[in-house]
Amino acid sequence: MSRMDVLFRMVREFPVRTGIFTFGLPLFALLQLVNGIVYGGSIPLIGLFAAVMVAHSVQLTSYHMASYRREQLSPR
């Protein structure tokens, strides 16, 4: 089973959790970056924040995918 198959299955079974961690955090980071540009914030600092948020989203998604795979493999 590929990572994309697992991700699509997770989206079908847990749409809110997957949406928040996989798509919500990077969207929030992008909105913070736009907010910083519009209102004259420190772009390097906001860019670093956005990069950390995206990296955190990747790690959370990987963790949830691993937990999902493990849950699918373990007998109930």
N, C-alpha and C. Protein backbone atom coordinates (compact mmCIF):
# COMPACT_ATOMS: atom_id res chain seq x y z
N MET A 1 0.84 -1.17 0.00
CA MET A 1 0.00 0.00 0.00
C MET A 1 0.90 1.25 0.00
N SER A 2 0.68 2.14 -0.95
CA SER A 2 1.53 3.33 -1.05
C SER A 2 1.07 4.41 -0.07
N ARG A 3 1.93 5.40 0.10
CA ARG A 3 1.61 6.49 1.03
C ARG A 3 0.39 7.28 0.58
N MET A 4 0.23 7.44 -0.73
CA MET A 4 -0.93 8.18 -1.23
C MET A 4 -2.23 7.40 -0.99
N ASP A 5 -2.17 6.08 -1.15
CA ASP A 5 -3.35 5.27 -0.86
C ASP A 5 -3.75 5.40 0.61
N VAL A 6 -2.77 5.36 1.48
CA VAL A 6 -3.03 5.50 2.92
C VAL A 6 -3.62 6.87 3.21
N LEU A 7 -3.05 7.91 2.59
CA LEU A 7 -3.55 9.27 2.81
C LEU A 7 -5.00 9.40 2.34
N PHE A 8 -5.32 8.86 1.17
CA PHE A 8 -6.69 8.95 0.66
C PHE A 8 -7.66 8.17 1.54
N ARG A 9 -7.22 7.03 2.05
CA ARG A 9 -8.08 6.26 2.96
C ARG A 9 -8.29 7.00 4.26
N MET A 10 -7.24 7.67 4.76
CA MET A 10 -7.38 8.46 5.98
C MET A 10 -8.33 9.64 5.77
N VAL A 11 -8.24 10.27 4.60
CA VAL A 11 -9.14 11.39 4.30
C VAL A 11 -10.59 10.91 4.29
N ARG A 12 -10.83 9.73 3.74
CA ARG A 12 -12.20 9.20 3.73
C ARG A 12 -12.69 8.84 5.12
N GLU A 13 -11.83 8.26 5.95
CA GLU A 13 -12.26 7.80 7.28
C GLU A 13 -12.22 8.90 8.34
N PHE A 14 -11.24 9.78 8.27
CA PHE A 14 -11.08 10.86 9.26
C PHE A 14 -10.90 12.19 8.54
N PRO A 15 -11.93 12.71 7.91
CA PRO A 15 -11.75 13.92 7.09
C PRO A 15 -11.36 15.16 7.90
N VAL A 16 -11.91 15.33 9.09
CA VAL A 16 -11.62 16.54 9.86
C VAL A 16 -10.18 16.52 10.36
N ARG A 17 -9.79 15.43 11.00
CA ARG A 17 -8.43 15.33 11.55
C ARG A 17 -7.38 15.44 10.43
N THR A 18 -7.60 14.72 9.35
CA THR A 18 -6.64 14.76 8.25
C THR A 18 -6.62 16.14 7.60
N GLY A 19 -7.77 16.75 7.47
CA GLY A 19 -7.83 18.08 6.87
C GLY A 19 -7.11 19.12 7.69
N ILE A 20 -7.30 19.07 9.00
CA ILE A 20 -6.65 20.06 9.87
C ILE A 20 -5.14 19.90 9.84
N PHE A 21 -4.64 18.67 10.02
CA PHE A 21 -3.20 18.47 10.12
C PHE A 21 -2.50 18.52 8.77
N THR A 22 -3.15 18.06 7.72
CA THR A 22 -2.48 17.98 6.42
C THR A 22 -2.64 19.25 5.61
N PHE A 23 -3.83 19.85 5.65
CA PHE A 23 -4.08 21.01 4.80
C PHE A 23 -4.26 22.29 5.61
N GLY A 24 -4.77 22.19 6.81
CA GLY A 24 -5.05 23.37 7.62
C GLY A 24 -3.81 24.10 8.10
N LEU A 25 -2.83 23.37 8.59
CA LEU A 25 -1.61 24.03 9.10
C LEU A 25 -0.82 24.75 8.00
N PRO A 26 -0.61 24.13 6.82
CA PRO A 26 0.08 24.88 5.76
C PRO A 26 -0.74 26.09 5.28
N LEU A 27 -2.07 25.95 5.26
CA LEU A 27 -2.91 27.08 4.88
C LEU A 27 -2.77 28.21 5.90
N PHE A 28 -2.76 27.87 7.18
CA PHE A 28 -2.56 28.86 8.23
C PHE A 28 -1.20 29.55 8.07
N ALA A 29 -0.17 28.80 7.76
CA ALA A 29 1.16 29.38 7.55
C ALA A 29 1.15 30.34 6.36
N LEU A 30 0.48 29.95 5.29
CA LEU A 30 0.39 30.82 4.12
C LEU A 30 -0.37 32.11 4.45
N LEU A 31 -1.44 31.99 5.21
CA LEU A 31 -2.20 33.18 5.59
C LEU A 31 -1.38 34.10 6.50
N GLN A 32 -0.57 33.52 7.38
CA GLN A 32 0.31 34.34 8.21
C GLN A 32 1.35 35.07 7.36
N LEU A 33 1.86 34.40 6.34
CA LEU A 33 2.82 35.03 5.45
C LEU A 33 2.18 36.19 4.69
N VAL A 34 0.98 35.96 4.18
CA VAL A 34 0.26 37.03 3.48
C VAL A 34 -0.03 38.19 4.44
N ASN A 35 -0.45 37.87 5.65
CA ASN A 35 -0.72 38.90 6.66
C ASN A 35 0.54 39.72 6.94
N GLY A 36 1.68 39.07 7.04
CA GLY A 36 2.94 39.78 7.28
C GLY A 36 3.31 40.69 6.12
N ILE A 37 3.06 40.24 4.91
CA ILE A 37 3.37 41.06 3.74
C ILE A 37 2.45 42.28 3.69
N VAL A 38 1.16 42.05 3.91
CA VAL A 38 0.19 43.14 3.82
C VAL A 38 0.42 44.19 4.91
N TYR A 39 0.71 43.76 6.12
CA TYR A 39 0.83 44.70 7.24
C TYR A 39 2.27 45.02 7.61
N GLY A 40 3.22 44.64 6.78
CA GLY A 40 4.60 45.06 6.97
C GLY A 40 5.32 44.37 8.12
N GLY A 41 5.05 43.10 8.32
CA GLY A 41 5.74 42.35 9.38
C GLY A 41 7.14 41.95 8.96
N SER A 42 7.83 41.33 9.85
CA SER A 42 9.18 40.86 9.57
C SER A 42 9.09 39.60 8.70
N ILE A 43 9.35 39.75 7.43
CA ILE A 43 9.19 38.66 6.47
C ILE A 43 10.11 37.47 6.79
N PRO A 44 11.39 37.68 7.14
CA PRO A 44 12.22 36.51 7.48
C PRO A 44 11.67 35.73 8.68
N LEU A 45 11.20 36.43 9.68
CA LEU A 45 10.65 35.76 10.86
C LEU A 45 9.35 35.02 10.53
N ILE A 46 8.49 35.66 9.76
CA ILE A 46 7.24 35.02 9.38
C ILE A 46 7.51 33.86 8.42
N GLY A 47 8.50 34.02 7.55
CA GLY A 47 8.88 32.92 6.65
C GLY A 47 9.40 31.71 7.43
N LEU A 48 10.19 31.99 8.46
CA LEU A 48 10.68 30.90 9.31
C LEU A 48 9.52 30.22 10.02
N PHE A 49 8.59 31.01 10.53
CA PHE A 49 7.40 30.46 11.17
C PHE A 49 6.63 29.58 10.19
N ALA A 50 6.44 30.06 8.96
CA ALA A 50 5.70 29.29 7.95
C ALA A 50 6.43 27.99 7.63
N ALA A 51 7.75 28.04 7.52
CA ALA A 51 8.52 26.83 7.23
C ALA A 51 8.39 25.81 8.37
N VAL A 52 8.43 26.30 9.60
CA VAL A 52 8.28 25.40 10.75
C VAL A 52 6.88 24.80 10.78
N MET A 53 5.87 25.59 10.47
CA MET A 53 4.49 25.08 10.45
C MET A 53 4.32 24.00 9.39
N VAL A 54 4.89 24.20 8.22
CA VAL A 54 4.78 23.20 7.16
C VAL A 54 5.53 21.93 7.55
N ALA A 55 6.72 22.09 8.14
CA ALA A 55 7.48 20.92 8.59
C ALA A 55 6.71 20.17 9.67
N HIS A 56 6.09 20.90 10.57
CA HIS A 56 5.28 20.28 11.63
C HIS A 56 4.09 19.54 11.02
N SER A 57 3.48 20.12 10.01
CA SER A 57 2.36 19.46 9.34
C SER A 57 2.79 18.16 8.68
N VAL A 58 3.96 18.18 8.06
CA VAL A 58 4.49 16.96 7.43
C VAL A 58 4.73 15.88 8.48
N GLN A 59 5.33 16.26 9.61
CA GLN A 59 5.59 15.30 10.67
C GLN A 59 4.29 14.76 11.27
N LEU A 60 3.33 15.61 11.51
CA LEU A 60 2.04 15.15 12.05
C LEU A 60 1.33 14.22 11.09
N THR A 61 1.35 14.55 9.82
CA THR A 61 0.71 13.70 8.83
C THR A 61 1.41 12.35 8.76
N SER A 62 2.73 12.35 8.79
CA SER A 62 3.48 11.08 8.77
C SER A 62 3.15 10.24 10.00
N TYR A 63 3.06 10.89 11.15
CA TYR A 63 2.73 10.18 12.38
C TYR A 63 1.33 9.58 12.30
N HIS A 64 0.37 10.35 11.84
CA HIS A 64 -0.99 9.84 11.75
C HIS A 64 -1.11 8.73 10.70
N MET A 65 -0.33 8.82 9.63
CA MET A 65 -0.34 7.76 8.63
C MET A 65 0.24 6.47 9.23
N ALA A 66 1.31 6.60 9.99
CA ALA A 66 1.90 5.42 10.62
C ALA A 66 0.95 4.81 11.65
N SER A 67 0.28 5.66 12.41
CA SER A 67 -0.70 5.16 13.39
C SER A 67 -1.86 4.48 12.68
N TYR A 68 -2.30 5.05 11.59
CA TYR A 68 -3.40 4.47 10.83
C TYR A 68 -3.00 3.11 10.26
N ARG A 69 -1.81 3.03 9.67
CA ARG A 69 -1.33 1.74 9.13
C ARG A 69 -1.23 0.70 10.23
N ARG A 70 -0.71 1.10 11.37
CA ARG A 70 -0.57 0.17 12.50
C ARG A 70 -1.95 -0.30 12.98
N GLU A 71 -2.88 0.61 13.04
CA GLU A 71 -4.25 0.26 13.45
C GLU A 71 -4.88 -0.71 12.45
N GLN A 72 -4.60 -0.54 11.18
CA GLN A 72 -5.16 -1.42 10.16
C GLN A 72 -4.54 -2.82 10.24
N LEU A 73 -3.27 -2.90 10.66
CA LEU A 73 -2.59 -4.19 10.72
C LEU A 73 -2.88 -4.97 12.00
N SER A 74 -3.18 -4.26 13.08
CA SER A 74 -3.38 -4.95 14.37
C SER A 74 -4.77 -5.58 14.41
N PRO A 75 -4.84 -6.79 14.99
CA PRO A 75 -6.15 -7.43 15.11
C PRO A 75 -7.00 -6.72 16.15
N ARG A 76 -8.28 -6.79 15.94
CA ARG A 76 -9.19 -6.10 16.87
C ARG A 76 -9.80 -7.04 17.81
